[in-house]
Amino acid sequence: MVERVYEFGRSRPPSFHKMLDGCPDFHRIIDSQVTNAYSVTSVRHGYYFFRWNGDHLKLFAQVTERWRIFKICCGLDPTQYETNLPSDGVIERLMLYSYPKGGGRLKTHVDPINNQKIVMGGMFSTRGVDFRTGGIYCLAGDSRTIDLESSMEAGDFMLTYPTVLHGVDPIDQGQEINWDTIDARWFLGLSIVDSDHVQERVTAQRVDDDGRAEV
């Protein structure tokens, strides 16, 4: 999957499209110049795919069975939203994120809970194999940082409540960032989100002062 998505990005320039009817699959480099346009700051390369564009890369074919199980865990019908268009209000979005070595990261945040009660994601890299330092974490109630990356490897799927504070610590901080390589930390996100047809759409919210305490 990673190889197909990486080649998709190489075959067309980065772009951005609001989630309106007709929105294509696209990819965008989120660096220090554009990150403040998002509700949660990050440094990563995002690849975004939608069912209405067809499944030319066979991405949905690989994940739909698991996605339906996750939706049951959320209290949803297993096929709910699969045929929705942006004008229907709520849509499915498949995302792969490449966190580059040299500082790929994601600020501490909480995810929307209005459409799904569980955050669903897949690991496509392994720390110690594909990169050395950094990775996903969450915060305990006493602000202790819990390193989740150390408990997972490529091929694992994770579930968490959207309201759990979480983020991604910088990947191999200190190296020079190279946006043109497949050699990075890769993560799959399966999300059910408000489209841009929804006024006052709910998005992820960053935590300005997360009070993290290293352990």
Protein backbone atom coordinates (compact mmCIF):
# COMPACT_ATOMS: atom_id res chain seq x y z
CA MET A 1 0.00 0.00 0.00
CA VAL A 2 2.74 2.46 0.93
CA GLU A 3 4.52 1.94 -2.38
CA ARG A 4 1.33 2.57 -4.37
CA VAL A 5 0.53 5.72 -2.44
CA TYR A 6 4.09 7.00 -2.71
CA GLU A 7 4.02 6.54 -6.49
CA PHE A 8 0.63 8.29 -6.59
CA GLY A 9 2.32 11.30 -5.00
CA ARG A 10 5.24 11.20 -7.40
CA SER A 11 2.89 11.16 -10.41
CA ARG A 12 1.20 14.51 -9.69
CA PRO A 13 2.04 17.78 -7.93
CA PRO A 14 0.91 18.46 -4.36
CA SER A 15 -2.43 20.26 -4.12
CA PHE A 16 -5.26 21.02 -1.72
CA HIS A 17 -8.99 20.55 -2.22
CA LYS A 18 -11.88 21.19 0.13
CA MET A 19 -14.14 18.21 0.71
CA LEU A 20 -16.93 19.33 -1.61
CA ASP A 21 -18.74 17.33 -4.28
CA GLY A 22 -16.23 16.39 -6.96
CA CYS A 23 -13.23 16.52 -4.62
CA PRO A 24 -10.45 14.39 -6.15
CA ASP A 25 -7.92 12.20 -4.40
CA PHE A 26 -4.91 14.39 -3.66
CA HIS A 27 -1.76 14.78 -1.61
CA ARG A 28 -0.26 17.75 0.21
CA ILE A 29 3.02 18.51 1.94
CA ILE A 30 2.26 20.07 5.31
CA ASP A 31 5.37 21.98 6.35
CA SER A 32 6.09 25.02 8.50
CA GLN A 33 4.74 27.32 5.78
CA VAL A 34 1.21 25.87 5.69
CA THR A 35 0.76 24.03 8.99
CA ASN A 36 -0.91 26.96 10.76
CA ALA A 37 -3.80 26.72 8.29
CA TYR A 38 -4.83 23.53 10.08
CA SER A 39 -6.56 23.14 13.44
CA VAL A 40 -3.67 20.95 14.63
CA THR A 41 -0.11 21.83 13.64
CA SER A 42 2.07 19.12 12.12
CA VAL A 43 4.94 18.37 9.77
CA ARG A 44 3.96 15.51 7.45
CA HIS A 45 2.98 14.56 3.90
CA GLY A 46 -0.73 13.74 3.70
CA TYR A 47 -2.38 11.56 1.04
CA TYR A 48 -6.21 11.69 0.93
CA PHE A 49 -8.55 9.24 -0.80
CA PHE A 50 -12.34 9.08 -1.16
CA ARG A 51 -14.61 6.23 -2.28
CA TRP A 52 -16.50 8.31 -4.89
CA ASN A 53 -13.33 8.52 -7.00
CA GLY A 54 -13.17 4.75 -7.44
CA ASP A 55 -10.54 2.53 -5.89
CA HIS A 56 -7.84 2.69 -8.56
CA LEU A 57 -5.04 1.95 -6.08
CA LYS A 58 -7.03 -0.84 -4.38
CA LEU A 59 -6.68 0.87 -1.00
CA PHE A 60 -10.28 0.56 0.12
CA ALA A 61 -10.28 -3.08 -0.98
CA GLN A 62 -7.53 -3.74 1.56
CA VAL A 63 -9.09 -1.99 4.54
CA THR A 64 -12.89 -2.10 4.16
CA GLU A 65 -13.34 -5.37 6.04
CA ARG A 66 -11.46 -4.04 9.08
CA TRP A 67 -13.08 -0.61 8.76
CA ARG A 68 -16.53 -2.17 8.97
CA ILE A 69 -15.56 -3.98 12.17
CA PHE A 70 -14.34 -0.70 13.64
CA LYS A 71 -17.64 0.96 12.72
CA ILE A 72 -19.56 -1.74 14.56
CA CYS A 73 -17.42 -0.92 17.62
CA CYS A 74 -18.54 2.72 17.18
CA GLY A 75 -22.20 1.68 17.22
CA LEU A 76 -22.59 2.30 13.49
CA ASP A 77 -23.92 0.12 10.71
CA PRO A 78 -20.90 -1.60 9.11
CA THR A 79 -21.57 -0.08 5.68
CA GLN A 80 -22.75 3.31 6.94
CA TYR A 81 -21.43 6.34 4.99
CA GLU A 82 -19.73 4.21 2.30
CA THR A 83 -21.82 5.70 -0.52
CA ASN A 84 -22.04 9.23 0.91
CA LEU A 85 -20.96 12.27 -1.09
CA PRO A 86 -19.75 15.51 0.50
CA SER A 87 -23.19 17.08 0.00
CA ASP A 88 -24.57 14.37 2.31
CA GLY A 89 -22.64 15.99 5.15
CA VAL A 90 -20.68 13.08 6.61
CA ILE A 91 -18.11 11.14 4.57
CA GLU A 92 -15.41 8.50 4.82
CA ARG A 93 -11.82 9.56 4.24
CA LEU A 94 -8.81 7.26 3.93
CA MET A 95 -5.50 8.94 4.70
CA LEU A 96 -1.89 7.89 4.65
CA TYR A 97 0.61 10.15 6.36
CA SER A 98 4.34 10.13 5.79
CA TYR A 99 6.20 11.64 8.75
CA PRO A 100 9.64 12.54 7.37
CA LYS A 101 12.85 11.89 9.22
CA GLY A 102 14.25 15.15 10.52
CA GLY A 103 11.19 16.29 12.45
CA GLY A 104 7.92 14.87 11.13
CA ARG A 105 5.48 15.39 13.99
CA LEU A 106 1.91 16.05 15.13
CA LYS A 107 0.92 18.36 17.99
CA THR A 108 -0.98 17.01 20.97
CA HIS A 109 -4.70 17.08 20.16
CA VAL A 110 -8.11 15.45 20.49
CA ASP A 111 -10.16 14.22 17.54
CA PRO A 112 -13.85 14.89 16.80
CA ILE A 113 -16.29 12.56 18.52
CA ASN A 114 -19.46 13.61 16.69
CA ASN A 115 -19.24 11.02 13.89
CA GLN A 116 -17.17 8.20 15.36
CA LYS A 117 -16.56 7.13 18.94
CA ILE A 118 -13.25 5.40 18.16
CA VAL A 119 -10.16 6.61 16.30
CA MET A 120 -8.94 3.94 13.90
CA GLY A 121 -5.42 3.75 12.51
CA GLY A 122 -2.80 1.39 11.14
CA MET A 123 0.95 1.22 11.56
CA PHE A 124 2.96 0.93 8.36
CA SER A 125 6.40 1.45 9.91
CA THR A 126 8.34 0.06 12.87
CA ARG A 127 10.54 2.12 15.17
CA GLY A 128 14.04 0.67 15.27
CA VAL A 129 13.66 -0.59 11.71
CA ASP A 130 12.29 2.29 9.62
CA PHE A 131 13.29 5.15 11.95
CA ARG A 132 15.05 5.53 15.30
CA THR A 133 13.26 8.02 17.52
CA GLY A 134 9.85 9.62 17.97
CA GLY A 135 6.39 8.27 17.30
CA ILE A 136 2.87 8.20 18.62
CA TYR A 137 2.12 8.90 22.28
CA CYS A 138 -0.84 9.65 24.52
CA LEU A 139 -1.16 11.49 27.81
CA ALA A 140 -2.33 9.87 31.03
CA GLY A 141 -4.67 11.69 33.40
CA ASP A 142 -1.70 12.96 35.41
CA SER A 143 -0.05 14.28 32.21
CA ARG A 144 2.48 11.44 32.04
CA THR A 145 3.55 10.68 28.48
CA ILE A 146 2.81 7.10 27.45
CA ASP A 147 4.91 5.91 24.52
CA LEU A 148 2.56 3.88 22.32
CA GLU A 149 4.98 3.45 19.43
CA SER A 150 7.12 1.03 21.45
CA SER A 151 4.18 -1.38 21.72
CA MET A 152 3.38 -1.50 18.00
CA GLU A 153 4.98 -2.43 14.70
CA ALA A 154 4.13 -2.39 11.01
CA GLY A 155 0.89 -4.28 10.38
CA ASP A 156 -0.73 -3.44 13.72
CA PHE A 157 -4.03 -1.57 13.95
CA MET A 158 -4.94 0.67 16.87
CA LEU A 159 -8.17 1.88 18.44
CA THR A 160 -8.53 4.75 20.89
CA TYR A 161 -11.17 7.16 22.11
CA PRO A 162 -11.01 10.47 20.21
CA THR A 163 -10.91 12.41 23.48
CA VAL A 164 -7.61 10.82 24.58
CA LEU A 165 -4.87 13.43 24.21
CA HIS A 166 -2.36 12.12 21.68
CA GLY A 167 0.20 13.18 19.09
CA VAL A 168 3.41 12.19 17.32
CA ASP A 169 6.82 13.11 18.73
CA PRO A 170 9.37 14.31 16.14
CA ILE A 171 10.77 11.53 13.95
CA ASP A 172 14.58 11.32 13.98
CA GLN A 173 14.93 14.94 15.02
CA GLY A 174 18.13 16.57 13.76
CA GLN A 175 18.29 15.05 10.30
CA GLU A 176 17.56 17.09 7.20
CA ILE A 177 13.97 16.61 6.02
CA ASN A 178 13.64 15.00 2.60
CA TRP A 179 10.11 15.13 1.17
CA ASP A 180 11.06 13.05 -1.88
CA THR A 181 11.79 9.72 -0.20
CA ILE A 182 9.63 6.78 0.82
CA ASP A 183 11.96 6.32 3.79
CA ALA A 184 9.80 7.77 6.59
CA ARG A 185 7.29 6.84 9.29
CA TRP A 186 3.99 5.86 7.62
CA PHE A 187 0.58 5.81 9.31
CA LEU A 188 -2.89 4.95 8.00
CA GLY A 189 -5.94 6.86 9.20
CA LEU A 190 -9.53 5.74 8.63
CA SER A 191 -11.84 8.61 9.47
CA ILE A 192 -15.50 9.57 9.30
CA VAL A 193 -15.64 13.35 9.07
CA ASP A 194 -17.85 16.32 8.35
CA SER A 195 -17.40 17.48 4.76
CA ASP A 196 -16.90 21.13 3.86
CA HIS A 197 -20.58 21.31 2.94
CA VAL A 198 -21.24 21.32 6.71
CA GLN A 199 -21.35 24.77 8.25
CA GLU A 200 -19.39 24.88 11.51
CA ARG A 201 -17.90 21.47 10.75
CA VAL A 202 -16.21 19.79 13.70
CA THR A 203 -12.46 19.22 13.37
CA ALA A 204 -9.60 18.03 15.57
CA GLN A 205 -8.58 20.44 18.32
CA ARG A 206 -5.02 21.06 19.43
CA VAL A 207 -4.04 21.31 23.08
CA ASP A 208 -2.11 24.55 23.50
CA ASP A 209 -0.45 23.60 26.80
CA ASP A 210 -0.41 19.84 27.17
CA GLY A 211 1.51 19.82 30.45
CA ARG A 212 3.43 16.71 29.44
CA ALA A 213 5.66 15.08 32.02
CA GLU A 214 8.30 12.69 30.71
CA VAL A 215 8.59 9.29 32.47
